[in-house]
Amino acid sequence: NEEIKRGIIRNLEVDNRIVLPYNKICSLIITSRDVIHSFSIPGLGIKIDAIPGRLNNRIIFRKLPGVFYGQCSELCGIDHRFIPICLEFISREHFNKLNN
C-alpha cells in the first residue's frame, strides 16, 4: 500500500507537535478538560496523569535533538487509542526563530 511504508510511525504522528529546545530545562504542565488521561512518552520515561481540575507538573531536560512519540495510556473512552502525542526537541536558535 502506498500509504503504509516501513519505518513510518502509524497513528502516532500529530498535526501540531509539542516543540521544545534541547539543552534547556522545561516544565510540562498537564491537565484535562473531561476525564482522566495519562500523558505517556515511553522513549523519554514520561508518564503524567492528566486529571480534570488539577495541574500536574514534570520537569524535562534533553541534551540532544530528537522526536519522541507516545499516547494516552489511560482507558479514557472509546477513542482512547486515537490520542497521539509527539514531542520534538530542536536547537534553541531554531526554537527562537519559530517563536518570533
C-alpha atoms as a PDB file:
ATOM      1  CA  ASN A   1       0.000   0.000   0.000  1.00  0.00           C
ATOM      2  CA  GLU A   2       1.276   3.473  -0.911  1.00  0.00           C
ATOM      3  CA  GLU A   3       0.252   4.952   2.473  1.00  0.00           C
ATOM      4  CA  ILE A   4       1.948   2.317   4.633  1.00  0.00           C
ATOM      5  CA  LYS A   5       5.739   2.352   4.423  1.00  0.00           C
ATOM      6  CA  ARG A   6       8.424   0.703   6.540  1.00  0.00           C
ATOM      7  CA  GLY A   7       9.783   2.968   9.277  1.00  0.00           C
ATOM      8  CA  ILE A   8       6.796   5.326   9.298  1.00  0.00           C
ATOM      9  CA  ILE A   9       5.066   5.827  12.655  1.00  0.00           C
ATOM     10  CA  ARG A  10       1.407   4.920  12.097  1.00  0.00           C
ATOM     11  CA  ASN A  11      -1.362   6.589  14.097  1.00  0.00           C
ATOM     12  CA  LEU A  12       1.122   8.451  16.338  1.00  0.00           C
ATOM     13  CA  GLU A  13       2.023  11.468  14.181  1.00  0.00           C
ATOM     14  CA  VAL A  14       0.131  14.645  15.054  1.00  0.00           C
ATOM     15  CA  ASP A  15      -0.850  17.873  13.295  1.00  0.00           C
ATOM     16  CA  ASN A  16       0.831  20.041  15.952  1.00  0.00           C
ATOM     17  CA  ARG A  17       3.876  18.684  17.748  1.00  0.00           C
ATOM     18  CA  ILE A  18       4.964  19.889  21.164  1.00  0.00           C
ATOM     19  CA  VAL A  19       8.264  21.586  20.290  1.00  0.00           C
ATOM     20  CA  LEU A  20      10.878  22.318  22.960  1.00  0.00           C
ATOM     21  CA  PRO A  21      14.526  23.382  22.865  1.00  0.00           C
ATOM     22  CA  TYR A  22      17.092  20.771  23.865  1.00  0.00           C
ATOM     23  CA  ASN A  23      19.806  21.621  26.428  1.00  0.00           C
ATOM     24  CA  LYS A  24      17.259  23.653  28.387  1.00  0.00           C
ATOM     25  CA  ILE A  25      15.202  22.762  31.450  1.00  0.00           C
ATOM     26  CA  CYS A  26      11.495  22.855  30.542  1.00  0.00           C
ATOM     27  CA  SER A  27       8.333  22.304  32.534  1.00  0.00           C
ATOM     28  CA  LEU A  28       5.370  20.295  31.238  1.00  0.00           C
ATOM     29  CA  ILE A  29       2.102  21.245  32.931  1.00  0.00           C
ATOM     30  CA  ILE A  30      -0.651  18.722  32.237  1.00  0.00           C
ATOM     31  CA  THR A  31      -4.392  18.812  32.918  1.00  0.00           C
ATOM     32  CA  SER A  32      -7.610  17.556  31.320  1.00  0.00           C
ATOM     33  CA  ARG A  33     -10.977  19.071  30.450  1.00  0.00           C
ATOM     34  CA  ASP A  34     -13.064  15.904  30.558  1.00  0.00           C
ATOM     35  CA  VAL A  35     -11.823  12.619  32.069  1.00  0.00           C
ATOM     36  CA  ILE A  36      -8.552  11.248  33.436  1.00  0.00           C
ATOM     37  CA  HIS A  37      -5.931  10.783  30.724  1.00  0.00           C
ATOM     38  CA  SER A  38      -2.310   9.701  31.056  1.00  0.00           C
ATOM     39  CA  PHE A  39       0.279  11.620  29.019  1.00  0.00           C
ATOM     40  CA  SER A  40       2.804   8.891  28.229  1.00  0.00           C
ATOM     41  CA  ILE A  41       6.019   9.034  26.173  1.00  0.00           C
ATOM     42  CA  PRO A  42       7.872   5.760  26.864  1.00  0.00           C
ATOM     43  CA  GLY A  43      11.037   6.760  24.964  1.00  0.00           C
ATOM     44  CA  LEU A  44      11.582   9.559  27.493  1.00  0.00           C
ATOM     45  CA  GLY A  45      10.358   7.663  30.551  1.00  0.00           C
ATOM     46  CA  ILE A  46       7.472  10.114  30.977  1.00  0.00           C
ATOM     47  CA  LYS A  47       4.022   9.237  32.275  1.00  0.00           C
ATOM     48  CA  ILE A  48       1.942  12.040  33.787  1.00  0.00           C
ATOM     49  CA  ASP A  49      -1.710  11.761  34.750  1.00  0.00           C
ATOM     50  CA  ALA A  50      -3.966  14.466  33.318  1.00  0.00           C
ATOM     51  CA  ILE A  51      -6.750  14.989  35.843  1.00  0.00           C
ATOM     52  CA  PRO A  52      -9.634  17.475  35.426  1.00  0.00           C
ATOM     53  CA  GLY A  53      -9.239  20.438  37.770  1.00  0.00           C
ATOM     54  CA  ARG A  54      -5.644  19.586  38.684  1.00  0.00           C
ATOM     55  CA  LEU A  55      -2.300  20.754  37.254  1.00  0.00           C
ATOM     56  CA  ASN A  56       0.457  18.132  37.235  1.00  0.00           C
ATOM     57  CA  ASN A  57       3.991  19.333  36.569  1.00  0.00           C
ATOM     58  CA  ARG A  58       7.004  17.456  35.198  1.00  0.00           C
ATOM     59  CA  ILE A  59      10.457  18.930  34.639  1.00  0.00           C
ATOM     60  CA  ILE A  60      12.068  17.683  31.432  1.00  0.00           C
ATOM     61  CA  PHE A  61      15.629  18.062  30.162  1.00  0.00           C
ATOM     62  CA  ARG A  62      17.029  16.595  26.964  1.00  0.00           C
ATOM     63  CA  LYS A  63      20.651  17.020  25.835  1.00  0.00           C
ATOM     64  CA  LEU A  64      20.156  16.120  22.159  1.00  0.00           C
ATOM     65  CA  PRO A  65      17.603  16.818  19.415  1.00  0.00           C
ATOM     66  CA  GLY A  66      15.026  14.181  18.620  1.00  0.00           C
ATOM     67  CA  VAL A  67      11.389  13.260  18.108  1.00  0.00           C
ATOM     68  CA  PHE A  68       9.503  11.097  20.608  1.00  0.00           C
ATOM     69  CA  TYR A  69       6.061   9.559  20.253  1.00  0.00           C
ATOM     70  CA  GLY A  70       3.554   8.488  22.838  1.00  0.00           C
ATOM     71  CA  GLN A  71      -0.143   8.339  23.519  1.00  0.00           C
ATOM     72  CA  CYS A  72      -2.737   8.320  26.236  1.00  0.00           C
ATOM     73  CA  SER A  73      -2.122   5.228  28.342  1.00  0.00           C
ATOM     74  CA  GLU A  74      -5.325   5.516  30.384  1.00  0.00           C
ATOM     75  CA  LEU A  75      -8.506   3.780  29.222  1.00  0.00           C
ATOM     76  CA  CYS A  76     -10.409   7.050  28.972  1.00  0.00           C
ATOM     77  CA  GLY A  77     -13.144   6.216  26.464  1.00  0.00           C
ATOM     78  CA  ILE A  78     -13.927   4.675  23.094  1.00  0.00           C
ATOM     79  CA  ASP A  79     -11.415   6.846  21.184  1.00  0.00           C
ATOM     80  CA  HIS A  80      -8.640   6.300  23.736  1.00  0.00           C
ATOM     81  CA  ARG A  81      -6.258   4.870  21.140  1.00  0.00           C
ATOM     82  CA  PHE A  82      -6.610   7.987  18.957  1.00  0.00           C
ATOM     83  CA  ILE A  83      -4.868  10.362  21.369  1.00  0.00           C
ATOM     84  CA  PRO A  84      -1.304  10.523  19.996  1.00  0.00           C
ATOM     85  CA  ILE A  85       1.461  12.682  21.481  1.00  0.00           C
ATOM     86  CA  CYS A  86       4.575  13.909  19.690  1.00  0.00           C
ATOM     87  CA  LEU A  87       7.361  15.800  21.452  1.00  0.00           C
ATOM     88  CA  GLU A  88      10.193  17.265  19.354  1.00  0.00           C
ATOM     89  CA  PHE A  89      13.434  18.730  20.689  1.00  0.00           C
ATOM     90  CA  ILE A  90      15.156  21.294  18.453  1.00  0.00           C
ATOM     91  CA  SER A  91      18.053  23.742  18.821  1.00  0.00           C
ATOM     92  CA  ARG A  92      17.462  26.868  20.873  1.00  0.00           C
ATOM     93  CA  GLU A  93      18.206  29.018  17.799  1.00  0.00           C
ATOM     94  CA  HIS A  94      15.583  27.222  15.721  1.00  0.00           C
ATOM     95  CA  PHE A  95      13.136  27.336  18.645  1.00  0.00           C
ATOM     96  CA  ASN A  96      13.617  31.114  18.984  1.00  0.00           C
ATOM     97  CA  LYS A  97      13.004  31.595  15.229  1.00  0.00           C
ATOM     98  CA  LEU A  98       9.749  29.627  15.470  1.00  0.00           C
ATOM     99  CA  ASN A  99       8.543  31.767  18.365  1.00  0.00           C
ATOM    100  CA  ASN A 100       9.392  35.216  16.974  1.00  0.00           C
END
